Amino acid sequence: MTEFFEHAERLALEHAAHLLPARWRRIVEVLTAPIPSTPTRMIPAPSDDAATRLDGIDHIVVLMMENRSFDHMLGYLSLPEADGGRGRTDVDGLEGPEVNFNAIDGTPYPIHHLDRTQFSGEPEDPDHASASVDEQLADGGQGFAANFARISRARAAKAGVPVPDPGLVMGYYNADDLPVYDHLAAEYCVVDRWFSSVPGATWPNRLYALTGQAAGSRDDVAVPLYSLPSFVRYLDQHDVDWGWYSFDPGTLRAADPAYRFTRHDRFAYVDQRKLSTRERGVGDLTEEGPSFLDDVAAGRLPAVSWIDPHFKDLRVLGPNSNDDHPPSDVLAGQDLVLTLYHALSSARTWPKTLFVIVYDEHGGLYDHVPPPSAVDDHPGFQRLGVRVPAMLVSPLVAPGSSSTAILGRDLHFDHTSIMKTILTRFCRSENQIPAVTARVAAAHHLGHLLAGGEPRPELPDHSALASRMTGWRAEFARARFDDPIAAEGNPARLTDFQTGFYDMARRLREAGLPAGHP
């Protein structure tokens, strides 16, 4: 009977929606979004030694950053030390001769070290819509510079600013720019065969990570509110403890309507101290409660934790976005990763923790490895996206290892590997796991990269790294006031992703998500 009245109420709202002002129509759209059923098909659970190694993990923590390619962030590892690299032959990174050519005049644009840790110019955000990614991957990956040149000319003309160097997207960072990643790469496992799930934009890739599919599109929608069943439903079915930690409304709320206005006890901030002045008091009042850092320190780390970085940056009243989405300063991302790593590695739960760091998609930046094909239920989604940075940080992985060294170049991972890993570890029932989608069923789980045996008894010394980053935090704070974009009198320009995120967050608040709850 309750279901009948709920259905009748939904129909009444939908019928009356066209009579309402636009703002209220948007609220009705959010409230009446259908809650899809949870897929029930099961498949045999992986039963190899790699799956057995997952039993040594009690806590999986996932941090999904934004819009950088593998070569752009970690490709330097394979460059000679004389060229600022680490000379690692076990990592499929840059070698030195990689180049793109301008299709119009043949100008070469080779890879090069970037001299700034923050993107500037127009566009600040290289294009990564599906059509642009197809162009970038054409002719064996020869279209990155050409696509950036074409898009940037149009955008710069519209903004009335100089056209940036087309070779900007061929740039990379090194150990001096990314000291935290450099440390983690030396002490843990670099996954150099992790591809984004689809050659397209942010939300389709994040949806693959959360739901195993992309809602039928390789591009973002104007307001990212979807109706797909997420892997979190299976955690609830199996009574597995989980937590969603963010600085903004959690991405899970956008993907799965079953969690859009519920389970507030499972959503918390990453670190309340890092919330902006606006978030603390000028706008929504922040709900006081345990943050991720509080939970880790108190020994309350859930079995599964998902961390959304700070997506927003208005250059006023608060911290820089730390998601690494261009034009964000990668120093802010390094600060976030170090904070999380220090908290996790200092906790008593560390010996059985797997910390997964990965990026949603490449953000229009160069990578030399062609994406492989993919198994998928939906036509048009049979190819993976561009390779992205990924690392496994845990005392249960071999120090200084890589996926290529362990598994070769034929076995690869994508974002559905996260779900496959979580389901294999925590949602096995009678030697079966939920199939979810064909992509998830075909995905490789991360147990293949664990070393097995007992966890390393001693934590690698990172005191020098922490000291160095402390100095960089002060340098970064000063750089915020010396931002050349702001100094030239240009207002902060939101990326398309940020604009959509703001609209999504606003609709959730208007439709009933309590103020102060992420």
Protein backbone atom coordinates (compact mmCIF):
# COMPACT_ATOMS: atom_id res chain seq x y z
CA MET A 1 0.00 0.00 0.00
CA THR A 2 2.88 2.35 0.80
CA GLU A 3 4.34 1.76 -2.67
CA PHE A 4 0.93 2.61 -4.20
CA PHE A 5 0.76 5.99 -2.46
CA GLU A 6 4.39 6.75 -3.32
CA HIS A 7 3.67 5.96 -6.98
CA ALA A 8 0.50 8.08 -6.94
CA GLU A 9 2.38 10.98 -5.37
CA ARG A 10 5.08 10.73 -8.04
CA LEU A 11 2.48 10.76 -10.83
CA ALA A 12 0.76 13.78 -9.30
CA LEU A 13 4.03 15.68 -9.09
CA GLU A 14 4.92 14.83 -12.68
CA HIS A 15 1.46 15.86 -13.92
CA ALA A 16 1.61 19.22 -12.13
CA ALA A 17 5.22 19.98 -13.04
CA HIS A 18 4.38 21.83 -16.26
CA LEU A 19 2.33 24.36 -14.27
CA LEU A 20 5.26 25.36 -12.07
CA PRO A 21 7.96 28.02 -12.53
CA ALA A 22 11.21 26.77 -14.05
CA ARG A 23 13.00 26.57 -10.69
CA TRP A 24 10.30 24.38 -9.20
CA ARG A 25 10.10 22.24 -12.32
CA ARG A 26 13.78 21.45 -11.83
CA ILE A 27 13.10 20.42 -8.24
CA VAL A 28 10.27 18.14 -9.34
CA GLU A 29 12.58 16.57 -11.93
CA VAL A 30 15.06 15.70 -9.18
CA LEU A 31 12.41 14.42 -6.78
CA THR A 32 10.63 12.27 -9.37
CA ALA A 33 13.70 10.71 -10.99
CA PRO A 34 12.98 6.98 -11.16
CA ILE A 35 14.98 4.72 -8.88
CA PRO A 36 16.13 1.85 -11.09
CA SER A 37 16.08 -1.70 -9.81
CA THR A 38 19.29 -3.36 -8.70
CA PRO A 39 20.62 -5.94 -11.19
CA THR A 40 20.44 -9.44 -9.72
CA ARG A 41 22.40 -11.53 -12.22
CA MET A 42 25.33 -13.36 -10.63
CA ILE A 43 28.59 -14.68 -12.07
CA PRO A 44 31.23 -16.99 -10.60
CA ALA A 45 33.54 -15.13 -8.26
CA PRO A 46 37.22 -15.07 -9.22
CA SER A 47 38.86 -17.98 -7.46
CA ASP A 48 42.51 -17.70 -8.48
CA ASP A 49 45.44 -16.88 -6.21
CA ALA A 50 45.04 -13.19 -7.04
CA ALA A 51 41.50 -13.20 -5.65
CA THR A 52 42.72 -14.98 -2.54
CA ARG A 53 45.25 -12.21 -1.99
CA LEU A 54 42.37 -9.74 -1.74
CA ASP A 55 41.33 -11.47 1.49
CA GLY A 56 44.27 -9.73 3.14
CA ILE A 57 42.57 -6.37 2.50
CA ASP A 58 40.01 -5.14 5.04
CA HIS A 59 39.82 -1.52 3.85
CA ILE A 60 39.67 -0.19 0.28
CA VAL A 61 40.01 3.58 -0.12
CA VAL A 62 39.49 5.12 -3.57
CA LEU A 63 40.54 8.64 -4.56
CA MET A 64 39.47 9.56 -8.09
CA MET A 65 41.14 12.74 -9.32
CA GLU A 66 40.45 14.68 -12.52
CA ASN A 67 41.65 15.06 -16.08
CA ARG A 68 45.30 14.14 -16.47
CA SER A 69 46.90 11.51 -18.69
CA PHE A 70 49.47 8.95 -17.60
CA ASP A 71 52.31 10.38 -19.71
CA HIS A 72 51.48 13.89 -18.51
CA MET A 73 51.84 12.94 -14.82
CA LEU A 74 53.90 9.74 -14.57
CA GLY A 75 55.48 9.35 -18.00
CA TYR A 76 58.68 10.97 -16.68
CA LEU A 77 59.43 7.83 -14.64
CA SER A 78 60.85 6.07 -17.72
CA LEU A 79 62.86 9.04 -19.02
CA PRO A 80 66.63 8.98 -18.43
CA GLU A 81 67.77 10.61 -15.21
CA ALA A 82 69.75 13.10 -17.28
CA ASP A 83 66.42 14.29 -18.71
CA GLY A 84 64.72 14.63 -15.33
CA GLY A 85 63.34 11.10 -15.22
CA ARG A 86 63.91 8.06 -13.03
CA GLY A 87 65.20 5.71 -15.72
CA ARG A 88 62.64 3.01 -14.91
CA THR A 89 62.48 0.36 -17.60
CA ASP A 90 59.54 -1.39 -15.92
CA VAL A 91 57.18 1.54 -16.57
CA ASP A 92 55.69 2.13 -20.02
CA GLY A 93 56.18 5.88 -20.00
CA LEU A 94 57.89 8.47 -22.15
CA GLU A 95 61.09 7.71 -24.03
CA GLY A 96 61.95 11.10 -25.50
CA PRO A 97 61.11 11.17 -29.22
CA GLU A 98 57.31 11.38 -28.86
CA VAL A 99 55.92 14.16 -31.03
CA ASN A 100 52.69 15.44 -32.60
CA PHE A 101 52.59 17.46 -35.82
CA ASN A 102 50.41 20.37 -36.81
CA ALA A 103 48.24 19.00 -39.59
CA ILE A 104 48.13 22.41 -41.31
CA ASP A 105 51.80 23.38 -41.61
CA GLY A 106 53.63 20.30 -40.29
CA THR A 107 55.10 22.07 -37.24
CA PRO A 108 56.39 19.44 -34.76
CA TYR A 109 55.31 19.58 -31.13
CA PRO A 110 57.51 17.27 -29.06
CA ILE A 111 56.99 16.28 -25.46
CA HIS A 112 58.54 18.75 -23.03
CA HIS A 113 58.70 19.54 -19.35
CA LEU A 114 56.14 22.15 -18.25
CA ASP A 115 57.57 25.11 -16.38
CA ARG A 116 54.39 25.88 -14.40
CA THR A 117 52.30 23.63 -12.19
CA GLN A 118 49.12 25.49 -13.11
CA PHE A 119 47.61 25.78 -16.57
CA SER A 120 47.03 29.28 -17.88
CA GLY A 121 45.81 30.87 -21.08
CA GLU A 122 42.64 30.21 -23.03
CA PRO A 123 41.42 27.58 -23.01
CA GLU A 124 42.58 26.70 -19.51
CA ASP A 125 40.94 23.32 -19.93
CA PRO A 126 41.92 21.27 -23.03
CA ASP A 127 38.87 19.78 -24.68
CA HIS A 128 37.95 16.20 -23.86
CA ALA A 129 34.47 15.79 -25.27
CA SER A 130 34.01 12.58 -27.23
CA ALA A 131 34.51 14.16 -30.68
CA SER A 132 37.76 15.77 -29.53
CA VAL A 133 39.03 12.53 -27.99
CA ASP A 134 38.35 10.72 -31.26
CA GLU A 135 40.38 13.40 -33.05
CA GLN A 136 43.20 13.15 -30.51
CA LEU A 137 43.46 9.38 -30.89
CA ALA A 138 43.40 9.44 -34.69
CA ASP A 139 46.44 8.19 -36.62
CA GLY A 140 47.95 6.47 -33.62
CA GLY A 141 47.56 9.39 -31.23
CA GLN A 142 48.75 12.10 -33.63
CA GLY A 143 45.80 14.41 -33.01
CA PHE A 144 46.42 15.84 -29.53
CA ALA A 145 48.24 19.04 -30.56
CA ALA A 146 46.08 19.53 -33.67
CA ASN A 147 42.87 19.24 -31.67
CA PHE A 148 44.13 21.65 -29.02
CA ALA A 149 45.20 24.12 -31.71
CA ARG A 150 41.81 24.01 -33.42
CA ILE A 151 39.79 24.35 -30.21
CA SER A 152 42.04 26.97 -28.61
CA ARG A 153 41.99 29.24 -31.67
CA ALA A 154 38.21 29.47 -31.52
CA ARG A 155 38.06 29.94 -27.76
CA ALA A 156 40.88 32.48 -27.64
CA ALA A 157 39.26 34.54 -30.38
CA LYS A 158 35.99 34.55 -28.47
CA ALA A 159 37.73 35.57 -25.23
CA GLY A 160 39.96 38.15 -26.92
CA VAL A 161 43.19 36.63 -25.60
CA PRO A 162 46.33 35.25 -27.31
CA VAL A 163 46.22 31.74 -28.72
CA PRO A 164 48.23 29.35 -26.50
CA ASP A 165 51.01 27.14 -27.78
CA PRO A 166 49.45 24.04 -29.40
CA GLY A 167 52.26 22.01 -27.84
CA LEU A 168 51.00 22.70 -24.32
CA VAL A 169 49.10 19.40 -24.28
CA MET A 170 52.37 17.56 -25.02
CA GLY A 171 53.85 18.78 -21.74
CA TYR A 172 54.60 16.66 -18.71
CA TYR A 173 55.59 17.04 -15.06
CA ASN A 174 58.45 15.37 -13.21
CA ALA A 175 59.64 14.56 -9.70
CA ASP A 176 60.29 18.20 -8.85
CA ASP A 177 56.67 19.05 -9.63
CA LEU A 178 55.08 15.91 -8.16
CA PRO A 179 57.18 14.94 -5.12
CA VAL A 180 54.38 12.97 -3.47
CA TYR A 181 53.74 10.83 -6.53
CA ASP A 182 57.46 10.38 -7.01
CA HIS A 183 57.74 9.03 -3.47
CA LEU A 184 54.72 6.74 -3.82
CA ALA A 185 55.93 5.43 -7.19
CA ALA A 186 59.23 4.41 -5.61
CA GLU A 187 57.62 2.74 -2.60
CA TYR A 188 54.45 1.17 -4.00
CA CYS A 189 52.88 0.06 -7.32
CA VAL A 190 52.48 2.17 -10.47
CA VAL A 191 49.61 0.91 -12.62
CA ASP A 192 50.74 1.85 -16.12
CA ARG A 193 47.99 -0.15 -17.84
CA TRP A 194 44.96 1.64 -16.40
CA PHE A 195 42.73 3.22 -19.03
CA SER A 196 39.75 5.48 -18.58
CA SER A 197 36.58 3.52 -19.27
CA VAL A 198 35.38 5.49 -22.28
CA PRO A 199 36.98 7.97 -24.73
CA GLY A 200 34.94 10.85 -23.45
CA ALA A 201 34.25 13.27 -20.65
CA THR A 202 34.23 13.22 -16.85
CA TRP A 203 30.79 11.98 -15.92
CA PRO A 204 30.60 9.00 -18.29
CA ASN A 205 33.91 7.80 -16.84
CA ARG A 206 32.85 8.39 -13.25
CA LEU A 207 29.60 6.56 -13.97
CA TYR A 208 31.55 3.54 -15.17
CA ALA A 209 33.40 3.53 -11.85
CA LEU A 210 30.20 3.81 -9.81
CA THR A 211 27.67 1.90 -11.92
CA GLY A 212 29.51 -0.05 -14.63
CA GLN A 213 27.95 1.94 -17.49
CA ALA A 214 27.80 5.46 -18.95
CA ALA A 215 24.07 6.19 -19.23
CA GLY A 216 24.30 5.92 -23.01
CA SER A 217 26.56 8.91 -23.71
CA ARG A 218 30.27 9.60 -23.94
CA ASP A 219 29.71 13.26 -23.06
CA ASP A 220 28.64 15.16 -19.97
CA VAL A 221 25.08 16.39 -19.65
CA ALA A 222 24.27 19.96 -18.63
CA VAL A 223 23.14 18.95 -15.15
CA PRO A 224 24.71 15.64 -14.08
CA LEU A 225 21.82 13.93 -12.31
CA TYR A 226 21.52 10.30 -13.39
CA SER A 227 19.36 7.31 -12.50
CA LEU A 228 21.65 4.30 -12.41
CA PRO A 229 22.17 1.60 -9.75
CA SER A 230 25.59 1.92 -8.10
CA PHE A 231 27.89 -0.66 -6.53
CA VAL A 232 27.01 0.78 -3.11
CA ARG A 233 23.68 -1.08 -3.25
CA TYR A 234 25.55 -4.38 -3.14
CA LEU A 235 27.53 -3.19 -0.13
CA ASP A 236 24.24 -2.48 1.64
CA GLN A 237 22.83 -5.86 0.62
CA HIS A 238 25.86 -7.58 2.16
CA ASP A 239 25.98 -5.33 5.26
CA VAL A 240 29.37 -3.95 4.28
CA ASP A 241 30.35 -0.70 6.00
CA TRP A 242 31.03 2.18 3.60
CA GLY A 243 31.61 5.93 3.64
CA TRP A 244 31.46 8.66 1.00
CA TYR A 245 33.78 11.57 1.73
CA SER A 246 33.90 14.83 -0.20
CA PHE A 247 34.18 18.61 -0.08
CA ASP A 248 31.02 19.08 -2.15
CA PRO A 249 27.85 17.00 -2.55
CA GLY A 250 29.09 13.45 -3.16
CA THR A 251 29.19 12.15 -6.71
CA LEU A 252 27.22 9.10 -5.56
CA ARG A 253 24.21 11.38 -4.99
CA ALA A 254 24.41 12.47 -8.63
CA ALA A 255 24.67 8.93 -10.01
CA ASP A 256 22.23 6.85 -7.98
CA PRO A 257 18.85 8.29 -6.90
CA ALA A 258 18.63 5.67 -4.15
CA TYR A 259 21.21 7.75 -2.25
CA ARG A 260 20.22 11.22 -3.44
CA PHE A 261 18.50 12.29 -0.22
CA THR A 262 19.17 9.37 2.11
CA ARG A 263 21.88 7.73 4.21
CA HIS A 264 23.27 11.04 5.43
CA ASP A 265 25.16 9.09 8.10
CA ARG A 266 27.32 7.60 5.35
CA PHE A 267 28.30 10.94 3.78
CA ALA A 268 30.90 13.18 5.40
CA TYR A 269 33.49 15.79 4.57
CA VAL A 270 37.09 14.83 3.87
CA ASP A 271 38.44 17.48 6.22
CA GLN A 272 36.25 20.18 7.75
CA ARG A 273 39.31 22.36 8.29
CA LYS A 274 39.75 22.61 4.52
CA LEU A 275 36.22 23.86 3.86
CA SER A 276 36.10 27.39 2.55
CA THR A 277 34.81 30.39 4.46
CA ARG A 278 31.78 30.40 2.18
CA GLU A 279 31.04 26.74 2.91
CA ARG A 280 31.51 27.27 6.63
CA GLY A 281 29.41 30.34 7.18
CA VAL A 282 28.70 32.70 4.31
CA GLY A 283 26.50 30.18 2.57
CA ASP A 284 25.35 26.79 3.83
CA LEU A 285 26.03 26.05 7.46
CA THR A 286 28.30 23.05 7.74
CA GLU A 287 26.99 20.09 9.70
CA GLU A 288 29.49 19.34 12.41
CA GLY A 289 30.42 15.68 12.42
CA PRO A 290 33.32 13.30 11.94
CA SER A 291 35.33 13.81 8.76
CA PHE A 292 37.37 11.22 6.90
CA LEU A 293 40.48 12.27 8.79
CA ASP A 294 38.58 11.95 12.08
CA ASP A 295 37.31 8.48 11.18
CA VAL A 296 40.76 7.26 10.18
CA ALA A 297 42.40 8.61 13.33
CA ALA A 298 39.71 7.05 15.54
CA GLY A 299 40.00 3.63 13.92
CA ARG A 300 36.57 3.91 12.26
CA LEU A 301 37.76 3.48 8.67
CA PRO A 302 34.94 1.74 6.75
CA ALA A 303 35.51 -1.33 4.63
CA VAL A 304 35.00 0.83 1.52
CA SER A 305 35.72 4.57 1.40
CA TRP A 306 35.27 6.75 -1.66
CA ILE A 307 36.91 10.19 -1.70
CA ASP A 308 35.82 12.98 -4.01
CA PRO A 309 38.41 15.78 -4.18
CA HIS A 310 37.48 19.46 -4.04
CA PHE A 311 36.01 20.22 -7.47
CA LYS A 312 35.25 23.91 -7.04
CA ASP A 313 37.44 27.01 -7.28
CA LEU A 314 36.19 30.59 -7.48
CA ARG A 315 39.49 32.13 -6.30
CA VAL A 316 37.59 33.72 -3.42
CA LEU A 317 36.93 32.84 0.19
CA GLY A 318 38.36 29.36 0.04
CA PRO A 319 40.92 26.82 -1.01
CA ASN A 320 42.01 26.07 -4.53
CA SER A 321 40.31 23.06 -6.06
CA ASN A 322 42.55 20.08 -5.40
CA ASP A 323 41.15 17.66 -8.00
CA ASP A 324 43.95 18.40 -10.54
CA HIS A 325 41.39 19.34 -13.20
CA PRO A 326 43.10 21.98 -15.40
CA PRO A 327 43.69 24.79 -14.64
CA SER A 328 44.07 23.60 -11.03
CA ASP A 329 47.58 23.72 -9.63
CA VAL A 330 48.89 20.16 -9.25
CA LEU A 331 50.57 21.25 -6.02
CA ALA A 332 47.10 21.35 -4.46
CA GLY A 333 46.52 17.78 -5.58
CA GLN A 334 49.86 16.72 -4.13
CA ASP A 335 48.88 18.33 -0.84
CA LEU A 336 45.62 16.38 -0.76
CA VAL A 337 47.26 13.05 -1.58
CA LEU A 338 49.94 13.56 1.06
CA THR A 339 47.31 14.44 3.67
CA LEU A 340 45.35 11.26 2.91
CA TYR A 341 48.43 9.06 2.72
CA HIS A 342 49.81 10.37 6.00
CA ALA A 343 46.47 9.79 7.74
CA LEU A 344 46.02 6.27 6.37
CA SER A 345 49.60 5.13 6.90
CA SER A 346 49.60 6.43 10.49
CA ALA A 347 46.47 4.50 11.46
CA ARG A 348 46.31 1.07 13.05
CA THR A 349 44.23 -0.10 10.07
CA TRP A 350 47.11 0.53 7.64
CA PRO A 351 48.47 -3.06 7.43
CA LYS A 352 45.24 -4.19 5.74
CA THR A 353 44.44 -1.06 3.72
CA LEU A 354 44.53 -0.63 -0.07
CA PHE A 355 44.63 3.02 -1.17
CA VAL A 356 43.77 3.40 -4.88
CA ILE A 357 44.70 6.69 -6.58
CA VAL A 358 43.36 7.10 -10.11
CA TYR A 359 42.14 9.79 -12.52
CA ASP A 360 38.77 9.80 -14.25
CA GLU A 361 40.04 10.67 -17.74
CA HIS A 362 42.95 12.26 -19.56
CA GLY A 363 41.61 15.80 -19.93
CA GLY A 364 42.82 16.22 -23.54
CA LEU A 365 46.48 15.69 -22.57
CA TYR A 366 48.88 13.51 -24.54
CA ASP A 367 49.48 9.82 -23.93
CA HIS A 368 51.32 7.53 -26.32
CA VAL A 369 49.56 4.19 -25.62
CA PRO A 370 46.54 3.42 -27.85
CA PRO A 371 43.45 2.37 -25.85
CA PRO A 372 42.43 -1.28 -26.23
CA SER A 373 38.99 -2.62 -27.07
CA ALA A 374 36.40 -3.34 -24.39
CA VAL A 375 33.52 -5.71 -23.73
CA ASP A 376 30.29 -3.80 -23.19
CA ASP A 377 26.52 -4.25 -23.22
CA HIS A 378 25.99 -1.04 -25.18
CA PRO A 379 26.88 -0.38 -28.85
CA GLY A 380 29.40 2.40 -29.29
CA PHE A 381 31.23 1.64 -26.04
CA GLN A 382 33.60 -1.09 -27.21
CA ARG A 383 36.78 0.94 -26.78
CA LEU A 384 38.45 2.15 -23.61
CA GLY A 385 39.52 5.74 -23.16
CA VAL A 386 42.98 7.27 -22.90
CA ARG A 387 45.39 5.90 -20.29
CA VAL A 388 45.33 7.67 -16.92
CA PRO A 389 47.65 7.85 -13.88
CA ALA A 390 46.98 5.17 -11.27
CA MET A 391 48.82 3.85 -8.23
CA LEU A 392 48.14 1.24 -5.56
CA VAL A 393 49.44 2.33 -2.18
CA SER A 394 49.49 -0.41 0.43
CA PRO A 395 51.93 -2.42 2.54
CA LEU A 396 50.59 -5.40 0.57
CA VAL A 397 52.14 -4.35 -2.76
CA ALA A 398 55.78 -4.77 -3.70
CA PRO A 399 57.85 -1.58 -3.39
CA GLY A 400 58.81 0.05 -6.67
CA SER A 401 56.61 -2.30 -8.69
CA SER A 402 54.51 -1.71 -11.80
CA SER A 403 51.63 -3.48 -13.49
CA THR A 404 53.70 -3.97 -16.64
CA ALA A 405 56.47 -5.70 -14.70
CA ILE A 406 53.97 -7.93 -12.88
CA LEU A 407 51.49 -8.74 -15.65
CA GLY A 408 52.99 -7.55 -18.93
CA ARG A 409 51.32 -5.16 -21.34
CA ASP A 410 48.39 -7.32 -22.41
CA LEU A 411 46.42 -7.31 -19.16
CA HIS A 412 44.89 -3.95 -18.42
CA PHE A 413 42.55 -2.23 -15.99
CA ASP A 414 39.84 0.38 -16.27
CA HIS A 415 37.49 2.07 -13.79
CA THR A 416 35.22 -0.97 -13.57
CA SER A 417 38.21 -2.79 -12.05
CA ILE A 418 37.45 -0.83 -8.87
CA MET A 419 33.95 -2.28 -8.66
CA LYS A 420 35.18 -5.76 -9.60
CA THR A 421 37.72 -5.56 -6.77
CA ILE A 422 35.17 -4.37 -4.20
CA LEU A 423 32.60 -7.00 -5.19
CA THR A 424 35.18 -9.79 -5.22
CA ARG A 425 36.46 -8.86 -1.77
CA PHE A 426 33.26 -7.96 0.05
CA CYS A 427 30.22 -9.22 -1.89
CA ARG A 428 30.88 -12.89 -2.53
CA SER A 429 27.98 -15.23 -1.87
CA GLU A 430 28.26 -18.96 -2.49
CA ASN A 431 31.29 -18.30 -4.70
CA GLN A 432 29.37 -15.81 -6.82
CA ILE A 433 29.41 -12.03 -7.17
CA PRO A 434 26.95 -9.62 -8.80
CA ALA A 435 27.54 -9.36 -12.54
CA VAL A 436 26.23 -5.74 -12.68
CA THR A 437 27.19 -5.18 -16.37
CA ALA A 438 29.20 -6.98 -19.04
CA ARG A 439 32.01 -4.47 -18.55
CA VAL A 440 32.27 -5.26 -14.83
CA ALA A 441 32.07 -8.99 -15.48
CA ALA A 442 35.00 -8.76 -17.91
CA ALA A 443 37.13 -6.42 -15.77
CA HIS A 444 40.29 -7.54 -14.00
CA HIS A 445 40.39 -7.00 -10.26
CA LEU A 446 43.32 -5.41 -8.44
CA GLY A 447 44.27 -8.54 -6.53
CA HIS A 448 46.52 -9.33 -9.50
CA LEU A 449 48.85 -6.54 -8.34
CA LEU A 450 49.10 -7.50 -4.67
CA ALA A 451 52.30 -9.17 -3.52
CA GLY A 452 50.65 -11.63 -1.15
CA GLY A 453 52.03 -12.73 2.17
CA GLU A 454 52.29 -10.51 5.21
CA PRO A 455 52.22 -6.71 4.91
CA ARG A 456 55.49 -4.86 5.07
CA PRO A 457 56.16 -4.29 8.76
CA GLU A 458 57.77 -0.88 8.43
CA LEU A 459 56.40 2.24 6.82
CA PRO A 460 58.72 3.90 4.29
CA ASP A 461 60.26 7.05 5.72
CA HIS A 462 58.51 10.08 4.26
CA SER A 463 59.63 12.69 6.78
CA ALA A 464 61.76 14.49 4.20
CA LEU A 465 58.82 14.53 1.81
CA ALA A 466 56.49 15.93 4.46
CA SER A 467 59.01 18.64 5.32
CA ARG A 468 59.39 19.58 1.67
CA MET A 469 55.65 19.76 1.13
CA THR A 470 55.26 21.97 4.20
CA GLY A 471 57.42 24.55 2.46
CA TRP A 472 55.48 24.10 -0.75
CA ARG A 473 52.20 24.72 1.04
CA ALA A 474 53.42 28.19 1.94
CA GLU A 475 54.70 28.69 -1.60
CA PHE A 476 51.36 27.58 -2.98
CA ALA A 477 49.47 29.97 -0.69
CA ARG A 478 51.57 32.87 -1.95
CA ALA A 479 51.03 31.77 -5.54
CA ARG A 480 47.29 32.13 -5.09
CA PHE A 481 47.78 35.87 -4.65
CA ASP A 482 50.18 36.03 -7.59
CA ASP A 483 47.90 34.11 -9.94
CA PRO A 484 48.64 35.69 -13.35
CA ILE A 485 45.10 35.05 -14.54
CA ALA A 486 43.58 36.90 -11.59
CA ALA A 487 46.34 39.54 -11.64
CA GLU A 488 45.43 40.46 -15.21
CA GLY A 489 41.95 41.31 -14.01
CA ASN A 490 40.32 38.24 -15.50
CA PRO A 491 37.51 36.76 -13.41
CA ALA A 492 37.63 33.11 -12.46
CA ARG A 493 36.21 31.08 -15.33
CA LEU A 494 34.43 27.91 -14.40
CA THR A 495 35.12 24.85 -16.50
CA ASP A 496 32.13 23.12 -18.06
CA PHE A 497 32.53 20.39 -15.45
CA GLN A 498 32.43 22.90 -12.59
CA THR A 499 29.40 24.66 -14.05
CA GLY A 500 27.53 21.38 -14.27
CA PHE A 501 28.60 20.43 -10.77
CA TYR A 502 27.35 23.73 -9.35
CA ASP A 503 24.01 23.26 -11.08
CA MET A 504 23.74 19.69 -9.80
CA ALA A 505 24.57 20.76 -6.24
CA ARG A 506 22.08 23.62 -6.37
CA ARG A 507 19.27 21.37 -7.56
CA LEU A 508 20.01 18.85 -4.83
CA ARG A 509 19.88 21.60 -2.20
CA GLU A 510 16.67 23.04 -3.62
CA ALA A 511 15.10 19.59 -3.74
CA GLY A 512 15.81 18.82 -0.11
CA LEU A 513 19.44 17.82 0.49
CA PRO A 514 20.06 19.38 3.92
CA ALA A 515 22.45 22.30 4.06
CA GLY A 516 25.80 21.32 5.46
CA HIS A 517 25.59 17.70 4.27
CA PRO A 518 27.97 16.70 1.46
